[in-house]
Amino acid sequence: PTELSRLNLLDPPDVIAKKIKKCKTDAFTGMEWDNPERPECTNLLNIYQAVTGRSREDILGEVGEMKWGEFKPLLADAVVQH
């Protein structure tokens, strides 16, 4: 698999941001968990939840209406800060 297929624990912040920016997403607007048509969305939300320690409800209240271009930088910042 390509190096872009995963986040490594020792990746520097700029590499983490680049990988998240380039990760596969879908054409839907908004974020949601557990939609079988959107496994990428569930995966990225799970990462966000893991690094922030917040509840699903709290996260969806913040990012539920976001587009990918808004969510990915937020996710990258959260992963780097963690």
N, C-alpha and C. Protein backbone atom coordinates (compact mmCIF):
# COMPACT_ATOMS: atom_id res chain seq x y z
N PRO A 1 0.82 -1.21 0.00
CA PRO A 1 0.00 0.00 0.00
C PRO A 1 0.86 1.27 0.00
N THR A 2 0.32 2.31 -0.51
CA THR A 2 1.00 3.60 -0.56
C THR A 2 1.13 4.20 0.84
N GLU A 3 2.12 5.05 1.01
CA GLU A 3 2.32 5.75 2.28
C GLU A 3 1.13 6.64 2.63
N LEU A 4 0.37 7.06 1.62
CA LEU A 4 -0.79 7.92 1.86
C LEU A 4 -1.98 7.14 2.43
N SER A 5 -1.86 5.83 2.51
CA SER A 5 -2.99 5.01 2.95
C SER A 5 -3.14 4.96 4.46
N ARG A 6 -2.23 5.58 5.19
CA ARG A 6 -2.29 5.50 6.66
C ARG A 6 -1.57 6.69 7.29
N LEU A 7 -1.93 6.96 8.54
CA LEU A 7 -1.20 7.93 9.35
C LEU A 7 -0.25 7.14 10.25
N ASN A 8 1.01 7.48 10.22
CA ASN A 8 1.99 6.82 11.07
C ASN A 8 2.22 7.64 12.32
N LEU A 9 2.45 6.99 13.43
CA LEU A 9 2.64 7.69 14.70
C LEU A 9 3.77 8.71 14.65
N LEU A 10 4.78 8.45 13.86
CA LEU A 10 5.93 9.35 13.81
C LEU A 10 5.89 10.32 12.63
N ASP A 11 4.78 10.37 11.90
CA ASP A 11 4.66 11.34 10.81
C ASP A 11 4.74 12.76 11.39
N PRO A 12 5.52 13.64 10.74
CA PRO A 12 5.54 15.04 11.18
C PRO A 12 4.21 15.72 10.83
N PRO A 13 3.91 16.83 11.50
CA PRO A 13 2.63 17.52 11.29
C PRO A 13 2.30 17.83 9.83
N ASP A 14 3.29 18.28 9.07
CA ASP A 14 3.00 18.62 7.68
C ASP A 14 2.62 17.40 6.85
N VAL A 15 3.19 16.25 7.16
CA VAL A 15 2.86 15.01 6.45
C VAL A 15 1.45 14.55 6.85
N ILE A 16 1.12 14.66 8.13
CA ILE A 16 -0.22 14.30 8.59
C ILE A 16 -1.26 15.16 7.85
N ALA A 17 -1.02 16.46 7.80
CA ALA A 17 -1.96 17.36 7.12
C ALA A 17 -2.08 17.00 5.65
N LYS A 18 -0.97 16.70 5.01
CA LYS A 18 -0.99 16.33 3.58
C LYS A 18 -1.78 15.04 3.36
N LYS A 19 -1.55 14.05 4.20
CA LYS A 19 -2.26 12.77 4.06
C LYS A 19 -3.76 12.94 4.26
N ILE A 20 -4.15 13.72 5.25
CA ILE A 20 -5.57 13.93 5.50
C ILE A 20 -6.19 14.72 4.36
N LYS A 21 -5.49 15.71 3.86
CA LYS A 21 -6.00 16.51 2.75
C LYS A 21 -6.25 15.64 1.52
N LYS A 22 -5.40 14.65 1.29
CA LYS A 22 -5.50 13.82 0.10
C LYS A 22 -6.33 12.55 0.29
N CYS A 23 -6.82 12.30 1.49
CA CYS A 23 -7.54 11.05 1.72
C CYS A 23 -8.83 10.99 0.91
N LYS A 24 -9.23 9.78 0.59
CA LYS A 24 -10.41 9.55 -0.23
C LYS A 24 -11.67 9.96 0.53
N THR A 25 -12.52 10.70 -0.15
CA THR A 25 -13.80 11.09 0.43
C THR A 25 -14.90 10.85 -0.61
N ASP A 26 -16.08 11.38 -0.36
CA ASP A 26 -17.20 11.17 -1.27
C ASP A 26 -17.78 12.51 -1.69
N ALA A 27 -18.83 12.46 -2.50
CA ALA A 27 -19.44 13.68 -3.03
C ALA A 27 -20.59 14.22 -2.18
N PHE A 28 -20.90 13.54 -1.09
CA PHE A 28 -22.00 13.99 -0.22
C PHE A 28 -21.59 15.23 0.57
N THR A 29 -22.57 16.04 0.93
CA THR A 29 -22.34 17.19 1.81
C THR A 29 -22.74 16.79 3.21
N GLY A 30 -21.96 17.24 4.18
CA GLY A 30 -22.26 16.93 5.57
C GLY A 30 -21.54 15.66 6.02
N MET A 31 -21.42 15.53 7.33
CA MET A 31 -20.73 14.38 7.93
C MET A 31 -21.76 13.52 8.65
N GLU A 32 -21.59 12.21 8.57
CA GLU A 32 -22.48 11.29 9.28
C GLU A 32 -21.77 9.98 9.55
N TRP A 33 -22.16 9.36 10.66
CA TRP A 33 -21.61 8.06 11.05
C TRP A 33 -22.49 6.94 10.50
N ASP A 34 -21.87 5.80 10.27
CA ASP A 34 -22.54 4.53 10.04
C ASP A 34 -23.45 4.46 8.82
N ASN A 35 -23.18 5.27 7.82
CA ASN A 35 -23.88 5.14 6.55
C ASN A 35 -23.05 4.20 5.69
N PRO A 36 -23.58 3.03 5.31
CA PRO A 36 -22.79 2.06 4.56
C PRO A 36 -22.31 2.59 3.21
N GLU A 37 -22.93 3.64 2.71
CA GLU A 37 -22.48 4.25 1.46
C GLU A 37 -21.33 5.23 1.68
N ARG A 38 -20.97 5.48 2.96
CA ARG A 38 -19.95 6.48 3.27
C ARG A 38 -18.92 5.96 4.28
N PRO A 39 -18.24 4.87 3.96
CA PRO A 39 -17.27 4.33 4.92
C PRO A 39 -16.12 5.29 5.22
N GLU A 40 -15.75 6.09 4.24
CA GLU A 40 -14.66 7.06 4.46
C GLU A 40 -15.06 8.09 5.51
N CYS A 41 -16.31 8.52 5.46
CA CYS A 41 -16.80 9.51 6.41
C CYS A 41 -16.77 8.94 7.83
N THR A 42 -17.27 7.72 7.97
CA THR A 42 -17.26 7.07 9.28
C THR A 42 -15.83 6.93 9.79
N ASN A 43 -14.91 6.52 8.93
CA ASN A 43 -13.52 6.35 9.33
C ASN A 43 -12.91 7.66 9.83
N LEU A 44 -13.10 8.73 9.08
CA LEU A 44 -12.51 10.01 9.48
C LEU A 44 -13.17 10.57 10.73
N LEU A 45 -14.47 10.38 10.86
CA LEU A 45 -15.13 10.81 12.10
C LEU A 45 -14.64 10.00 13.30
N ASN A 46 -14.40 8.72 13.10
CA ASN A 46 -13.87 7.89 14.20
C ASN A 46 -12.48 8.37 14.62
N ILE A 47 -11.67 8.74 13.67
CA ILE A 47 -10.34 9.29 14.01
C ILE A 47 -10.51 10.58 14.79
N TYR A 48 -11.40 11.45 14.33
CA TYR A 48 -11.63 12.72 15.01
C TYR A 48 -12.12 12.48 16.44
N GLN A 49 -13.02 11.54 16.60
CA GLN A 49 -13.52 11.22 17.94
C GLN A 49 -12.40 10.67 18.83
N ALA A 50 -11.56 9.82 18.26
CA ALA A 50 -10.47 9.22 19.05
C ALA A 50 -9.47 10.27 19.55
N VAL A 51 -9.17 11.26 18.72
CA VAL A 51 -8.16 12.24 19.14
C VAL A 51 -8.74 13.39 19.96
N THR A 52 -10.06 13.58 19.89
CA THR A 52 -10.67 14.66 20.68
C THR A 52 -11.32 14.16 21.95
N GLY A 53 -11.71 12.88 21.99
CA GLY A 53 -12.38 12.33 23.16
C GLY A 53 -13.80 12.81 23.33
N ARG A 54 -14.37 13.37 22.29
CA ARG A 54 -15.73 13.93 22.36
C ARG A 54 -16.76 12.89 21.95
N SER A 55 -18.00 13.14 22.30
CA SER A 55 -19.09 12.23 21.94
C SER A 55 -19.48 12.43 20.48
N ARG A 56 -20.13 11.42 19.92
CA ARG A 56 -20.63 11.53 18.56
C ARG A 56 -21.58 12.71 18.42
N GLU A 57 -22.47 12.86 19.36
CA GLU A 57 -23.45 13.93 19.31
C GLU A 57 -22.78 15.30 19.30
N ASP A 58 -21.79 15.48 20.15
CA ASP A 58 -21.06 16.74 20.22
C ASP A 58 -20.35 17.02 18.90
N ILE A 59 -19.71 15.99 18.37
CA ILE A 59 -18.97 16.16 17.11
C ILE A 59 -19.93 16.50 15.98
N LEU A 60 -21.03 15.77 15.86
CA LEU A 60 -21.97 16.05 14.78
C LEU A 60 -22.58 17.44 14.91
N GLY A 61 -22.74 17.92 16.14
CA GLY A 61 -23.22 19.28 16.34
C GLY A 61 -22.26 20.30 15.77
N GLU A 62 -20.99 19.98 15.80
CA GLU A 62 -19.96 20.89 15.27
C GLU A 62 -19.75 20.72 13.77
N VAL A 63 -19.66 19.48 13.30
CA VAL A 63 -19.21 19.23 11.93
C VAL A 63 -20.28 18.63 11.01
N GLY A 64 -21.46 18.35 11.54
CA GLY A 64 -22.49 17.66 10.77
C GLY A 64 -22.84 18.29 9.44
N GLU A 65 -22.75 19.60 9.35
CA GLU A 65 -23.11 20.30 8.11
C GLU A 65 -21.90 20.73 7.28
N MET A 66 -20.71 20.38 7.73
CA MET A 66 -19.49 20.79 7.02
C MET A 66 -19.30 20.03 5.72
N LYS A 67 -18.58 20.68 4.82
CA LYS A 67 -18.09 20.03 3.61
C LYS A 67 -16.70 19.51 3.91
N TRP A 68 -16.22 18.62 3.05
CA TRP A 68 -14.90 18.02 3.27
C TRP A 68 -13.80 19.06 3.38
N GLY A 69 -13.88 20.10 2.58
CA GLY A 69 -12.85 21.15 2.62
C GLY A 69 -12.79 21.89 3.94
N GLU A 70 -13.86 21.84 4.70
CA GLU A 70 -13.88 22.45 6.03
C GLU A 70 -13.46 21.46 7.10
N PHE A 71 -13.89 20.20 6.93
CA PHE A 71 -13.63 19.20 7.96
C PHE A 71 -12.19 18.70 7.96
N LYS A 72 -11.62 18.48 6.81
CA LYS A 72 -10.27 17.90 6.76
C LYS A 72 -9.22 18.74 7.50
N PRO A 73 -9.19 20.07 7.34
CA PRO A 73 -8.22 20.86 8.13
C PRO A 73 -8.47 20.77 9.63
N LEU A 74 -9.74 20.72 10.03
CA LEU A 74 -10.08 20.56 11.45
C LEU A 74 -9.57 19.23 11.97
N LEU A 75 -9.77 18.18 11.19
CA LEU A 75 -9.28 16.85 11.56
C LEU A 75 -7.75 16.84 11.64
N ALA A 76 -7.11 17.43 10.65
CA ALA A 76 -5.63 17.45 10.65
C ALA A 76 -5.11 18.17 11.89
N ASP A 77 -5.70 19.31 12.23
CA ASP A 77 -5.27 20.04 13.43
C ASP A 77 -5.47 19.21 14.68
N ALA A 78 -6.59 18.53 14.78
CA ALA A 78 -6.88 17.70 15.96
C ALA A 78 -5.88 16.55 16.08
N VAL A 79 -5.56 15.91 14.97
CA VAL A 79 -4.60 14.79 15.01
C VAL A 79 -3.21 15.30 15.39
N VAL A 80 -2.80 16.41 14.83
CA VAL A 80 -1.48 16.97 15.15
C VAL A 80 -1.41 17.38 16.62
N GLN A 81 -2.47 17.98 17.16
CA GLN A 81 -2.48 18.40 18.56
C GLN A 81 -2.50 17.24 19.54
N HIS A 82 -3.02 16.10 19.07
CA HIS A 82 -3.12 14.94 19.94
C HIS A 82 -1.75 14.34 20.16
